[in-house]
């Protein structure tokens, strides 16, 4: 859903995409420092919307993209601001539990825990760098619901 700004074009004031952008700005409380920044963000917004619409028009996707608070950002801006700490992947880990002796013949092919209320809504973490804590809490909340039938929080 990310695009880099292209050479600024002269967009008509009545351009439907500009109207859409200004409605988006109002919805997400965006105010830019000057018109140059606004036009730069508009170009990024347009490119991202085009990508979103092209992706969503394809058959066979397992998900859809949507316009959200990040639609005026490039991918590199989003990664720098919202993806948190990057840890090395070469950490050695010991297996905690062995499932070699578990009978899985009665286990269903798949379970969608959303159907059972064991997946809470996504929380906006903002760029705080504690995504690991949100993930840990969400896991505990889901297990709590599965084990007790009660919703945490």
N, C-alpha and C. Protein backbone atom coordinates (compact mmCIF):
# COMPACT_ATOMS: atom_id res chain seq x y z
N UNK A 1 0.81 -1.18 0.00
CA UNK A 1 0.00 0.00 0.00
C UNK A 1 0.85 1.24 0.00
N UNK A 2 2.09 1.16 -0.35
CA UNK A 2 2.99 2.29 -0.23
C UNK A 2 3.46 2.76 -1.59
N UNK A 3 3.67 4.04 -1.68
CA UNK A 3 4.17 4.60 -2.93
C UNK A 3 5.07 5.78 -2.60
N UNK A 4 6.00 6.06 -3.50
CA UNK A 4 6.85 7.22 -3.34
C UNK A 4 6.23 8.38 -4.10
N UNK A 5 6.48 9.59 -3.65
CA UNK A 5 5.90 10.72 -4.37
C UNK A 5 6.51 10.82 -5.76
N UNK A 6 5.67 11.05 -6.75
CA UNK A 6 6.17 11.25 -8.10
C UNK A 6 6.26 12.74 -8.35
N UNK A 7 6.71 13.10 -9.51
CA UNK A 7 6.82 14.52 -9.84
C UNK A 7 5.45 15.17 -9.66
N UNK A 8 5.42 16.27 -8.97
CA UNK A 8 4.15 16.93 -8.67
C UNK A 8 3.48 17.36 -9.95
N UNK A 9 2.22 17.01 -10.06
CA UNK A 9 1.45 17.43 -11.22
C UNK A 9 0.53 18.57 -10.79
N UNK A 10 0.05 19.29 -11.76
CA UNK A 10 -0.90 20.36 -11.49
C UNK A 10 -2.28 19.74 -11.41
N UNK A 11 -2.79 19.56 -10.22
CA UNK A 11 -4.09 18.96 -10.04
C UNK A 11 -5.15 20.05 -9.97
N UNK A 12 -6.21 19.81 -10.66
CA UNK A 12 -7.32 20.75 -10.67
C UNK A 12 -7.95 20.84 -9.29
N UNK A 13 -8.41 22.04 -8.89
CA UNK A 13 -9.07 22.16 -7.59
C UNK A 13 -10.32 21.29 -7.49
N UNK A 14 -10.95 20.99 -8.64
CA UNK A 14 -12.17 20.18 -8.62
C UNK A 14 -11.88 18.69 -8.81
N UNK A 15 -10.62 18.31 -8.77
CA UNK A 15 -10.23 16.91 -8.92
C UNK A 15 -10.92 16.10 -7.83
N UNK A 16 -11.67 15.06 -8.21
CA UNK A 16 -12.35 14.24 -7.19
C UNK A 16 -11.38 13.62 -6.18
N UNK A 17 -10.17 13.33 -6.63
CA UNK A 17 -9.20 12.75 -5.70
C UNK A 17 -8.76 13.79 -4.68
N UNK A 18 -8.65 15.05 -5.08
CA UNK A 18 -8.30 16.11 -4.12
C UNK A 18 -9.41 16.24 -3.09
N UNK A 19 -10.66 16.16 -3.54
CA UNK A 19 -11.78 16.22 -2.60
C UNK A 19 -11.71 15.04 -1.62
N UNK A 20 -11.41 13.88 -2.15
CA UNK A 20 -11.28 12.68 -1.32
C UNK A 20 -10.15 12.86 -0.31
N UNK A 21 -9.02 13.43 -0.77
CA UNK A 21 -7.87 13.68 0.09
C UNK A 21 -8.24 14.66 1.20
N UNK A 22 -8.94 15.72 0.87
CA UNK A 22 -9.31 16.71 1.88
C UNK A 22 -10.31 16.14 2.88
N UNK A 23 -11.20 15.28 2.43
CA UNK A 23 -12.11 14.59 3.36
C UNK A 23 -11.30 13.67 4.28
N UNK A 24 -10.32 12.98 3.69
CA UNK A 24 -9.44 12.12 4.49
C UNK A 24 -8.67 12.94 5.51
N UNK A 25 -8.14 14.10 5.09
CA UNK A 25 -7.42 14.99 6.00
C UNK A 25 -8.30 15.38 7.18
N UNK A 26 -9.55 15.71 6.90
CA UNK A 26 -10.48 16.11 7.97
C UNK A 26 -10.74 14.93 8.91
N UNK A 27 -10.95 13.75 8.33
CA UNK A 27 -11.24 12.56 9.15
C UNK A 27 -10.09 12.23 10.09
N UNK A 28 -8.86 12.37 9.61
CA UNK A 28 -7.70 11.99 10.40
C UNK A 28 -6.96 13.18 11.02
N UNK A 29 -7.55 14.37 10.93
CA UNK A 29 -6.98 15.54 11.58
C UNK A 29 -5.64 15.98 11.03
N UNK A 30 -5.42 15.78 9.75
CA UNK A 30 -4.14 16.14 9.14
C UNK A 30 -4.11 17.64 8.80
N UNK A 31 -3.03 18.27 9.20
CA UNK A 31 -2.74 19.65 8.82
C UNK A 31 -1.26 19.67 8.45
N UNK A 32 -0.95 20.19 7.28
CA UNK A 32 0.44 20.22 6.81
C UNK A 32 1.02 21.61 6.97
N UNK A 33 2.35 21.69 7.08
CA UNK A 33 3.01 22.96 7.40
C UNK A 33 2.84 24.01 6.29
N UNK A 34 2.73 23.56 5.04
CA UNK A 34 2.52 24.50 3.93
C UNK A 34 1.91 23.75 2.75
N UNK A 35 1.60 24.50 1.69
CA UNK A 35 0.96 23.90 0.52
C UNK A 35 1.89 22.91 -0.19
N UNK A 36 3.20 23.17 -0.18
CA UNK A 36 4.13 22.23 -0.81
C UNK A 36 4.07 20.86 -0.13
N UNK A 37 4.04 20.85 1.19
CA UNK A 37 3.94 19.58 1.94
C UNK A 37 2.59 18.92 1.67
N UNK A 38 1.55 19.72 1.62
CA UNK A 38 0.22 19.17 1.33
C UNK A 38 0.21 18.51 -0.05
N UNK A 39 0.79 19.17 -1.04
CA UNK A 39 0.80 18.60 -2.39
C UNK A 39 1.69 17.34 -2.46
N UNK A 40 2.77 17.34 -1.72
CA UNK A 40 3.62 16.14 -1.66
C UNK A 40 2.86 14.98 -1.05
N UNK A 41 2.15 15.25 0.04
CA UNK A 41 1.36 14.20 0.70
C UNK A 41 0.19 13.77 -0.19
N UNK A 42 -0.37 14.71 -0.94
CA UNK A 42 -1.45 14.38 -1.86
C UNK A 42 -0.97 13.40 -2.93
N UNK A 43 0.23 13.62 -3.46
CA UNK A 43 0.79 12.70 -4.46
C UNK A 43 0.97 11.30 -3.86
N UNK A 44 1.49 11.24 -2.65
CA UNK A 44 1.67 9.95 -1.98
C UNK A 44 0.30 9.30 -1.76
N UNK A 45 -0.65 10.07 -1.28
CA UNK A 45 -2.02 9.58 -1.06
C UNK A 45 -2.59 9.01 -2.35
N UNK A 46 -2.49 9.77 -3.45
CA UNK A 46 -3.03 9.30 -4.73
C UNK A 46 -2.37 7.99 -5.16
N UNK A 47 -1.06 7.92 -5.05
CA UNK A 47 -0.36 6.70 -5.45
C UNK A 47 -0.78 5.52 -4.57
N UNK A 48 -0.92 5.75 -3.28
CA UNK A 48 -1.33 4.68 -2.38
C UNK A 48 -2.77 4.24 -2.65
N UNK A 49 -3.66 5.19 -2.90
CA UNK A 49 -5.06 4.84 -3.21
C UNK A 49 -5.11 4.02 -4.50
N UNK A 50 -4.33 4.42 -5.49
CA UNK A 50 -4.28 3.64 -6.75
C UNK A 50 -3.82 2.21 -6.47
N UNK A 51 -2.77 2.08 -5.65
CA UNK A 51 -2.27 0.75 -5.29
C UNK A 51 -3.36 -0.06 -4.56
N UNK A 52 -4.03 0.57 -3.61
CA UNK A 52 -5.10 -0.09 -2.84
C UNK A 52 -6.20 -0.58 -3.77
N UNK A 53 -6.65 0.29 -4.65
CA UNK A 53 -7.75 -0.07 -5.55
C UNK A 53 -7.34 -1.14 -6.54
N UNK A 54 -6.11 -1.07 -7.05
CA UNK A 54 -5.62 -2.10 -7.97
C UNK A 54 -5.52 -3.45 -7.26
N UNK A 55 -4.96 -3.45 -6.07
CA UNK A 55 -4.83 -4.69 -5.30
C UNK A 55 -6.20 -5.29 -5.02
N UNK A 56 -7.13 -4.47 -4.54
CA UNK A 56 -8.46 -4.97 -4.18
C UNK A 56 -9.27 -5.45 -5.37
N UNK A 57 -8.94 -4.99 -6.57
CA UNK A 57 -9.70 -5.41 -7.77
C UNK A 57 -9.26 -6.78 -8.28
N UNK A 58 -8.12 -7.27 -7.80
CA UNK A 58 -7.63 -8.59 -8.22
C UNK A 58 -8.41 -9.69 -7.51
N UNK A 59 -8.63 -10.77 -8.21
CA UNK A 59 -9.26 -11.95 -7.61
C UNK A 59 -8.22 -12.77 -6.89
N UNK A 60 -8.64 -13.48 -5.87
CA UNK A 60 -7.75 -14.41 -5.19
C UNK A 60 -7.00 -13.85 -4.00
N UNK A 61 -7.18 -12.59 -3.68
CA UNK A 61 -6.53 -12.06 -2.48
C UNK A 61 -7.20 -12.64 -1.24
N UNK A 62 -6.43 -12.89 -0.22
CA UNK A 62 -7.01 -13.40 1.02
C UNK A 62 -7.38 -12.26 1.98
N UNK A 63 -7.14 -11.03 1.57
CA UNK A 63 -7.47 -9.86 2.38
C UNK A 63 -7.67 -8.66 1.46
N UNK A 64 -8.20 -7.60 2.01
CA UNK A 64 -8.35 -6.36 1.25
C UNK A 64 -7.57 -5.25 1.95
N UNK A 65 -7.14 -4.30 1.18
CA UNK A 65 -6.47 -3.12 1.72
C UNK A 65 -7.50 -2.01 1.87
N UNK A 66 -7.21 -1.06 2.74
CA UNK A 66 -8.12 0.06 2.94
C UNK A 66 -7.38 1.35 3.17
N UNK A 67 -8.09 2.44 2.97
CA UNK A 67 -7.54 3.76 3.26
C UNK A 67 -7.62 3.96 4.76
N UNK A 68 -6.51 4.41 5.35
CA UNK A 68 -6.47 4.60 6.80
C UNK A 68 -5.55 5.76 7.14
N UNK A 69 -5.20 5.89 8.38
CA UNK A 69 -4.39 7.02 8.84
C UNK A 69 -2.98 7.04 8.26
N UNK A 70 -2.56 5.98 7.60
CA UNK A 70 -1.22 5.89 7.05
C UNK A 70 -1.15 6.16 5.55
N UNK A 71 -2.26 6.49 4.93
CA UNK A 71 -2.32 6.56 3.47
C UNK A 71 -1.52 7.71 2.88
N UNK A 72 -1.11 8.68 3.69
CA UNK A 72 -0.26 9.76 3.16
C UNK A 72 1.22 9.53 3.45
N UNK A 73 1.57 8.31 3.83
CA UNK A 73 2.96 7.99 4.15
C UNK A 73 3.55 7.06 3.10
N UNK A 74 4.86 7.22 2.86
CA UNK A 74 5.56 6.25 2.03
C UNK A 74 5.86 5.02 2.88
N UNK A 75 6.21 3.95 2.22
CA UNK A 75 6.55 2.72 2.95
C UNK A 75 7.74 2.96 3.88
N UNK A 76 8.76 3.66 3.38
CA UNK A 76 9.95 3.88 4.21
C UNK A 76 9.61 4.74 5.44
N UNK A 77 8.73 5.72 5.29
CA UNK A 77 8.32 6.52 6.44
C UNK A 77 7.58 5.66 7.46
N UNK A 78 6.67 4.81 6.97
CA UNK A 78 5.92 3.94 7.87
C UNK A 78 6.86 2.99 8.61
N UNK A 79 7.77 2.36 7.89
CA UNK A 79 8.70 1.41 8.50
C UNK A 79 9.53 2.11 9.57
N UNK A 80 10.04 3.30 9.26
CA UNK A 80 10.89 4.02 10.21
C UNK A 80 10.12 4.43 11.46
N UNK A 81 8.84 4.75 11.31
CA UNK A 81 8.08 5.29 12.44
C UNK A 81 7.30 4.24 13.23
N UNK A 82 6.88 3.15 12.58
CA UNK A 82 5.93 2.26 13.25
C UNK A 82 6.34 0.81 13.40
N UNK A 83 7.46 0.39 12.89
CA UNK A 83 7.74 -1.05 12.95
C UNK A 83 8.59 -1.48 14.12
N UNK A 84 8.98 -0.59 14.98
CA UNK A 84 9.62 -0.97 16.23
C UNK A 84 11.02 -1.52 16.09
N UNK A 85 11.42 -2.25 17.10
CA UNK A 85 12.79 -2.77 17.21
C UNK A 85 12.93 -4.00 16.31
N UNK A 86 14.05 -4.10 15.65
CA UNK A 86 14.35 -5.26 14.82
C UNK A 86 15.41 -6.09 15.53
N UNK A 87 15.03 -7.29 15.90
CA UNK A 87 15.95 -8.18 16.61
C UNK A 87 16.62 -9.14 15.65
N UNK A 88 17.81 -9.60 15.97
CA UNK A 88 18.49 -10.57 15.10
C UNK A 88 17.69 -11.88 15.05
N UNK A 89 17.71 -12.51 13.89
CA UNK A 89 16.96 -13.75 13.72
C UNK A 89 17.77 -14.99 14.07
N UNK A 90 19.03 -14.84 14.40
CA UNK A 90 19.89 -15.99 14.65
C UNK A 90 19.99 -16.36 16.13
N UNK A 91 18.95 -16.05 16.89
CA UNK A 91 18.94 -16.40 18.31
C UNK A 91 18.63 -17.89 18.45
N UNK A 92 19.47 -18.61 19.20
CA UNK A 92 19.23 -20.04 19.41
C UNK A 92 18.15 -20.21 20.47
N UNK A 93 17.21 -21.09 20.19
CA UNK A 93 16.12 -21.33 21.12
C UNK A 93 15.96 -22.82 21.34
N UNK A 94 15.65 -23.18 22.55
CA UNK A 94 15.37 -24.57 22.88
C UNK A 94 13.86 -24.78 22.81
N UNK A 95 13.42 -25.93 22.31
CA UNK A 95 11.98 -26.19 22.31
C UNK A 95 11.46 -26.29 23.75
N UNK A 96 10.34 -25.66 24.02
CA UNK A 96 9.78 -25.64 25.36
C UNK A 96 8.94 -26.88 25.61
N UNK A 97 8.17 -27.28 24.60
CA UNK A 97 7.24 -28.40 24.75
C UNK A 97 7.40 -29.32 23.55
N UNK A 98 7.37 -30.60 23.79
CA UNK A 98 7.37 -31.57 22.71
C UNK A 98 5.94 -32.07 22.51
N UNK A 99 5.50 -32.10 21.26
CA UNK A 99 4.16 -32.58 20.95
C UNK A 99 4.20 -33.95 20.27
N UNK A 100 5.31 -34.64 20.40
CA UNK A 100 5.48 -35.92 19.74
C UNK A 100 4.43 -36.95 20.17
N UNK A 101 4.00 -36.91 21.43
CA UNK A 101 3.08 -37.91 21.94
C UNK A 101 1.63 -37.44 22.00
N UNK A 102 1.32 -36.35 21.36
CA UNK A 102 -0.03 -35.80 21.39
C UNK A 102 -0.84 -36.39 20.24
N UNK A 103 -2.03 -36.90 20.57
CA UNK A 103 -2.94 -37.44 19.56
C UNK A 103 -3.73 -36.28 18.94
N UNK A 104 -3.48 -36.04 17.67
CA UNK A 104 -4.15 -34.92 17.01
C UNK A 104 -5.23 -35.38 16.03
N UNK A 105 -5.64 -36.63 16.12
CA UNK A 105 -6.62 -37.15 15.17
C UNK A 105 -7.99 -36.46 15.31
N UNK A 106 -8.32 -35.96 16.49
CA UNK A 106 -9.62 -35.33 16.69
C UNK A 106 -9.56 -33.80 16.55
N UNK A 107 -8.43 -33.28 16.16
CA UNK A 107 -8.28 -31.83 16.03
C UNK A 107 -8.84 -31.38 14.67
N UNK A 108 -9.66 -30.34 14.67
CA UNK A 108 -10.20 -29.87 13.38
C UNK A 108 -9.09 -29.33 12.47
N UNK A 109 -9.38 -29.27 11.18
CA UNK A 109 -8.41 -28.76 10.21
C UNK A 109 -7.99 -27.34 10.54
N UNK A 110 -8.95 -26.51 10.99
CA UNK A 110 -8.62 -25.14 11.37
C UNK A 110 -9.67 -24.62 12.35
N UNK A 111 -9.30 -23.60 13.09
CA UNK A 111 -10.21 -22.93 14.02
C UNK A 111 -10.02 -21.43 13.84
N UNK A 112 -11.10 -20.72 13.67
CA UNK A 112 -11.04 -19.27 13.61
C UNK A 112 -11.51 -18.76 14.97
N UNK A 113 -10.56 -18.38 15.81
CA UNK A 113 -10.88 -17.99 17.18
C UNK A 113 -11.70 -16.71 17.24
N UNK A 114 -11.76 -15.96 16.14
CA UNK A 114 -12.64 -14.78 16.10
C UNK A 114 -14.09 -15.20 16.27
N UNK A 115 -14.43 -16.38 15.72
CA UNK A 115 -15.81 -16.88 15.82
C UNK A 115 -16.20 -17.20 17.26
N UNK A 116 -15.23 -17.35 18.13
CA UNK A 116 -15.47 -17.69 19.53
C UNK A 116 -15.20 -16.51 20.47
N UNK A 117 -14.94 -15.35 19.89
CA UNK A 117 -14.70 -14.15 20.71
C UNK A 117 -13.35 -14.14 21.40
N UNK A 118 -12.41 -14.96 20.91
CA UNK A 118 -11.11 -15.06 21.58
C UNK A 118 -10.05 -14.15 20.95
N UNK A 119 -10.46 -13.32 20.01
CA UNK A 119 -9.53 -12.36 19.39
C UNK A 119 -10.14 -10.98 19.58
N UNK A 120 -9.46 -10.14 20.33
CA UNK A 120 -9.96 -8.78 20.57
C UNK A 120 -9.63 -7.88 19.39
N UNK A 121 -10.20 -6.70 19.41
CA UNK A 121 -9.96 -5.73 18.34
C UNK A 121 -8.48 -5.31 18.33
N UNK A 122 -8.04 -4.86 17.18
CA UNK A 122 -6.67 -4.38 17.04
C UNK A 122 -6.55 -3.06 17.78
N UNK A 123 -5.47 -2.91 18.51
CA UNK A 123 -5.24 -1.67 19.26
C UNK A 123 -4.19 -0.84 18.55
N UNK A 124 -4.39 0.47 18.54
CA UNK A 124 -3.43 1.37 17.92
C UNK A 124 -2.26 1.57 18.88
N UNK A 125 -1.12 1.06 18.51
CA UNK A 125 0.07 1.13 19.37
C UNK A 125 0.82 2.45 19.20
N UNK A 126 0.53 3.17 18.14
CA UNK A 126 1.30 4.36 17.81
C UNK A 126 2.78 3.97 17.73
N UNK A 127 3.66 4.92 17.54
CA UNK A 127 5.08 4.52 17.38
C UNK A 127 5.81 4.39 18.71
N UNK A 128 5.31 3.54 19.61
CA UNK A 128 5.90 3.48 20.95
C UNK A 128 6.98 2.42 21.09
N UNK A 129 7.09 1.49 20.15
CA UNK A 129 8.13 0.47 20.21
C UNK A 129 7.84 -0.68 21.15
N UNK A 130 6.61 -0.78 21.63
CA UNK A 130 6.29 -1.88 22.56
C UNK A 130 5.30 -2.86 21.93
N UNK A 131 5.44 -3.11 20.64
CA UNK A 131 4.53 -4.04 19.97
C UNK A 131 4.58 -5.42 20.62
N UNK A 132 5.72 -5.79 21.13
CA UNK A 132 5.87 -7.09 21.80
C UNK A 132 4.91 -7.19 22.99
N UNK A 133 4.73 -6.09 23.71
CA UNK A 133 3.84 -6.10 24.88
C UNK A 133 2.39 -6.23 24.44
N UNK A 134 2.01 -5.54 23.37
CA UNK A 134 0.64 -5.66 22.85
C UNK A 134 0.38 -7.09 22.40
N UNK A 135 1.35 -7.70 21.73
CA UNK A 135 1.19 -9.08 21.27
C UNK A 135 1.07 -10.05 22.45
N UNK A 136 1.88 -9.85 23.47
CA UNK A 136 1.83 -10.72 24.65
C UNK A 136 0.48 -10.60 25.35
N UNK A 137 0.01 -9.38 25.54
CA UNK A 137 -1.28 -9.17 26.20
C UNK A 137 -2.41 -9.78 25.38
N UNK A 138 -2.39 -9.59 24.06
CA UNK A 138 -3.44 -10.15 23.20
C UNK A 138 -3.45 -11.67 23.30
N UNK A 139 -2.28 -12.28 23.40
CA UNK A 139 -2.20 -13.73 23.53
C UNK A 139 -2.81 -14.19 24.85
N UNK A 140 -2.47 -13.52 25.93
CA UNK A 140 -3.03 -13.87 27.24
C UNK A 140 -4.54 -13.67 27.25
N UNK A 141 -5.02 -12.58 26.66
CA UNK A 141 -6.47 -12.34 26.60
C UNK A 141 -7.19 -13.45 25.84
N UNK A 142 -6.59 -13.89 24.72
CA UNK A 142 -7.20 -14.97 23.94
C UNK A 142 -7.25 -16.28 24.70
N UNK A 143 -6.16 -16.63 25.35
CA UNK A 143 -6.11 -17.87 26.13
C UNK A 143 -7.09 -17.81 27.29
N UNK A 144 -7.19 -16.66 27.93
CA UNK A 144 -8.13 -16.47 29.04
C UNK A 144 -9.56 -16.72 28.57
N UNK A 145 -9.93 -16.17 27.40
CA UNK A 145 -11.27 -16.37 26.86
C UNK A 145 -11.52 -17.84 26.54
N UNK A 146 -10.53 -18.50 25.93
CA UNK A 146 -10.67 -19.90 25.56
C UNK A 146 -10.83 -20.77 26.80
N UNK A 147 -10.05 -20.50 27.84
CA UNK A 147 -10.08 -21.34 29.04
C UNK A 147 -11.28 -21.05 29.95
N UNK A 148 -11.68 -19.78 30.07
CA UNK A 148 -12.73 -19.44 31.04
C UNK A 148 -14.07 -19.11 30.41
N UNK A 149 -14.06 -18.77 29.11
CA UNK A 149 -15.29 -18.32 28.47
C UNK A 149 -15.56 -16.85 28.73
N UNK A 150 -14.73 -16.21 29.53
CA UNK A 150 -14.91 -14.79 29.86
C UNK A 150 -13.97 -13.95 29.02
N UNK A 151 -14.42 -12.78 28.68
CA UNK A 151 -13.58 -11.86 27.91
C UNK A 151 -12.76 -11.01 28.87
N UNK A 152 -11.45 -10.93 28.62
CA UNK A 152 -10.57 -10.11 29.46
C UNK A 152 -10.76 -8.64 29.10
N UNK A 153 -10.56 -7.79 30.10
CA UNK A 153 -10.59 -6.35 29.85
C UNK A 153 -11.95 -5.84 29.76
